[in-house]
Amino acid sequence: WTSVEPRAFVHAVWTHVGGQFAARRQQDAQEFLAFVLGRLDDELKPAGQPMYEPSAVLYDLFGVDQRQEVKCDGCGTVTKRTEPSLGLTLSLPESDGATEPGA
């Protein structure tokens, strides 16, 4: 195994995708991770596998089922949808009390 310095990795991604992650454009770590995982997923996918199905390797490591529930204010109809997504989700413990920003 060869290690890669994080700065060199980020620079290589920036160089490869052009201006998508250029300086002075607001991007966050989650968007960067989603982009990298999406590209890895594309590269690892066997030929003929539909683009909307994540590869088994990445889904085993970074797969989450994204659930949406939307309620129509007009008629009250609830629509639920679940779709696979790649990402990194961290569960944070609930706080005992509210804290003020900057406190």
C-alpha atoms as a PDB file:
ATOM      1  CA  TRP A   1       0.000   0.000   0.000  1.00  0.00           C
ATOM      2  CA  THR A   2       1.155   3.491  -0.738  1.00  0.00           C
ATOM      3  CA  SER A   3       0.117   6.441   1.358  1.00  0.00           C
ATOM      4  CA  VAL A   4      -0.944   9.724  -0.171  1.00  0.00           C
ATOM      5  CA  GLU A   5      -0.563  13.081   1.504  1.00  0.00           C
ATOM      6  CA  PRO A   6      -4.053  14.629   1.912  1.00  0.00           C
ATOM      7  CA  ARG A   7      -2.947  17.922   0.373  1.00  0.00           C
ATOM      8  CA  ALA A   8      -1.652  16.107  -2.729  1.00  0.00           C
ATOM      9  CA  PHE A   9      -4.902  14.126  -2.989  1.00  0.00           C
ATOM     10  CA  VAL A  10      -7.083  17.244  -2.805  1.00  0.00           C
ATOM     11  CA  HIS A  11      -4.831  19.025  -5.310  1.00  0.00           C
ATOM     12  CA  ALA A  12      -5.113  16.070  -7.723  1.00  0.00           C
ATOM     13  CA  VAL A  13      -8.911  16.170  -7.479  1.00  0.00           C
ATOM     14  CA  TRP A  14      -8.959  19.939  -8.018  1.00  0.00           C
ATOM     15  CA  THR A  15      -6.705  19.564 -11.042  1.00  0.00           C
ATOM     16  CA  HIS A  16      -8.842  16.766 -12.513  1.00  0.00           C
ATOM     17  CA  VAL A  17     -12.258  18.436 -12.184  1.00  0.00           C
ATOM     18  CA  GLY A  18     -11.275  21.927 -13.232  1.00  0.00           C
ATOM     19  CA  GLY A  19     -13.185  24.722 -11.578  1.00  0.00           C
ATOM     20  CA  GLN A  20     -15.740  22.704  -9.636  1.00  0.00           C
ATOM     21  CA  PHE A  21     -13.671  22.945  -6.440  1.00  0.00           C
ATOM     22  CA  ALA A  22     -11.749  26.092  -7.354  1.00  0.00           C
ATOM     23  CA  ALA A  23     -10.724  28.681  -4.820  1.00  0.00           C
ATOM     24  CA  ARG A  24     -13.360  31.224  -3.775  1.00  0.00           C
ATOM     25  CA  ARG A  25     -16.240  28.846  -4.546  1.00  0.00           C
ATOM     26  CA  GLN A  26     -18.132  27.730  -1.485  1.00  0.00           C
ATOM     27  CA  GLN A  27     -17.749  23.974  -1.085  1.00  0.00           C
ATOM     28  CA  ASP A  28     -17.731  21.886   2.033  1.00  0.00           C
ATOM     29  CA  ALA A  29     -16.202  18.591   3.049  1.00  0.00           C
ATOM     30  CA  GLN A  30     -19.464  16.708   2.492  1.00  0.00           C
ATOM     31  CA  GLU A  31     -19.699  17.902  -1.121  1.00  0.00           C
ATOM     32  CA  PHE A  32     -16.063  16.978  -1.718  1.00  0.00           C
ATOM     33  CA  LEU A  33     -16.571  13.502  -0.221  1.00  0.00           C
ATOM     34  CA  ALA A  34     -19.752  12.993  -2.253  1.00  0.00           C
ATOM     35  CA  PHE A  35     -17.893  13.940  -5.429  1.00  0.00           C
ATOM     36  CA  VAL A  36     -14.936  11.620  -4.704  1.00  0.00           C
ATOM     37  CA  LEU A  37     -17.197   8.703  -3.745  1.00  0.00           C
ATOM     38  CA  GLY A  38     -19.321   9.264  -6.831  1.00  0.00           C
ATOM     39  CA  ARG A  39     -16.273   9.160  -9.085  1.00  0.00           C
ATOM     40  CA  LEU A  40     -14.925   6.052  -7.344  1.00  0.00           C
ATOM     41  CA  ASP A  41     -18.336   4.448  -7.725  1.00  0.00           C
ATOM     42  CA  ASP A  42     -18.326   5.199 -11.459  1.00  0.00           C
ATOM     43  CA  GLU A  43     -14.850   3.714 -11.858  1.00  0.00           C
ATOM     44  CA  LEU A  44     -15.543   0.550  -9.832  1.00  0.00           C
ATOM     45  CA  LYS A  45     -18.919  -0.225 -11.406  1.00  0.00           C
ATOM     46  CA  PRO A  46     -18.876  -3.334 -13.644  1.00  0.00           C
ATOM     47  CA  ALA A  47     -19.702  -2.781 -17.289  1.00  0.00           C
ATOM     48  CA  GLY A  48     -23.422  -2.957 -17.901  1.00  0.00           C
ATOM     49  CA  GLN A  49     -24.446  -2.101 -14.336  1.00  0.00           C
ATOM     50  CA  PRO A  50     -27.052   0.693 -14.314  1.00  0.00           C
ATOM     51  CA  MET A  51     -25.693   4.101 -13.317  1.00  0.00           C
ATOM     52  CA  TYR A  52     -28.307   4.522 -10.558  1.00  0.00           C
ATOM     53  CA  GLU A  53     -27.116   1.396  -8.694  1.00  0.00           C
ATOM     54  CA  PRO A  54     -24.123   2.032  -6.435  1.00  0.00           C
ATOM     55  CA  SER A  55     -21.257  -0.471  -6.632  1.00  0.00           C
ATOM     56  CA  ALA A  56     -21.253  -3.138  -3.941  1.00  0.00           C
ATOM     57  CA  VAL A  57     -17.807  -2.238  -2.589  1.00  0.00           C
ATOM     58  CA  LEU A  58     -18.523   1.423  -1.935  1.00  0.00           C
ATOM     59  CA  TYR A  59     -22.082   0.790  -0.806  1.00  0.00           C
ATOM     60  CA  ASP A  60     -20.800  -1.677   1.813  1.00  0.00           C
ATOM     61  CA  LEU A  61     -18.416   0.974   3.148  1.00  0.00           C
ATOM     62  CA  PHE A  62     -20.271   4.253   2.609  1.00  0.00           C
ATOM     63  CA  GLY A  63     -23.831   3.295   1.700  1.00  0.00           C
ATOM     64  CA  VAL A  64     -26.759   5.010   3.328  1.00  0.00           C
ATOM     65  CA  ASP A  65     -30.442   4.850   2.490  1.00  0.00           C
ATOM     66  CA  GLN A  66     -31.682   8.377   2.123  1.00  0.00           C
ATOM     67  CA  ARG A  67     -35.327   8.633   3.161  1.00  0.00           C
ATOM     68  CA  GLN A  68     -37.600  11.501   2.262  1.00  0.00           C
ATOM     69  CA  GLU A  69     -41.101  12.166   3.452  1.00  0.00           C
ATOM     70  CA  VAL A  70     -43.051  15.040   1.931  1.00  0.00           C
ATOM     71  CA  LYS A  71     -46.522  16.094   3.061  1.00  0.00           C
ATOM     72  CA  CYS A  72     -48.746  18.209   0.830  1.00  0.00           C
ATOM     73  CA  ASP A  73     -50.119  21.139   2.822  1.00  0.00           C
ATOM     74  CA  GLY A  74     -53.147  21.293   0.535  1.00  0.00           C
ATOM     75  CA  CYS A  75     -54.488  17.741   0.574  1.00  0.00           C
ATOM     76  CA  GLY A  76     -52.414  16.099   3.318  1.00  0.00           C
ATOM     77  CA  THR A  77     -51.044  13.385   1.029  1.00  0.00           C
ATOM     78  CA  VAL A  78     -47.754  11.987   2.292  1.00  0.00           C
ATOM     79  CA  THR A  79     -45.207  10.765  -0.246  1.00  0.00           C
ATOM     80  CA  LYS A  80     -42.310   8.624   0.970  1.00  0.00           C
ATOM     81  CA  ARG A  81     -39.209   7.754  -1.024  1.00  0.00           C
ATOM     82  CA  THR A  82     -36.024   5.842  -0.202  1.00  0.00           C
ATOM     83  CA  GLU A  83     -32.967   5.819  -2.434  1.00  0.00           C
ATOM     84  CA  PRO A  84     -29.417   4.563  -1.995  1.00  0.00           C
ATOM     85  CA  SER A  85     -26.745   7.193  -1.568  1.00  0.00           C
ATOM     86  CA  LEU A  86     -23.046   7.305  -0.804  1.00  0.00           C
ATOM     87  CA  GLY A  87     -21.796   9.358   2.098  1.00  0.00           C
ATOM     88  CA  LEU A  88     -20.524   9.371   5.631  1.00  0.00           C
ATOM     89  CA  THR A  89     -23.081   9.804   8.359  1.00  0.00           C
ATOM     90  CA  LEU A  90     -22.169  10.396  11.965  1.00  0.00           C
ATOM     91  CA  SER A  91     -24.614  10.077  14.813  1.00  0.00           C
ATOM     92  CA  LEU A  92     -24.151  12.797  17.383  1.00  0.00           C
ATOM     93  CA  PRO A  93     -25.429  12.470  20.932  1.00  0.00           C
ATOM     94  CA  GLU A  94     -28.312  14.700  21.859  1.00  0.00           C
ATOM     95  CA  SER A  95     -27.379  17.701  23.935  1.00  0.00           C
ATOM     96  CA  ASP A  96     -28.886  18.059  27.424  1.00  0.00           C
ATOM     97  CA  GLY A  97     -29.336  21.772  26.932  1.00  0.00           C
ATOM     98  CA  ALA A  98     -29.289  24.295  24.154  1.00  0.00           C
ATOM     99  CA  THR A  99     -26.048  26.181  23.686  1.00  0.00           C
ATOM    100  CA  GLU A 100     -25.693  29.618  22.228  1.00  0.00           C
ATOM    101  CA  PRO A 101     -23.523  30.022  19.118  1.00  0.00           C
ATOM    102  CA  GLY A 102     -20.035  31.124  20.058  1.00  0.00           C
ATOM    103  CA  ALA A 103     -20.478  30.068  23.672  1.00  0.00           C
END
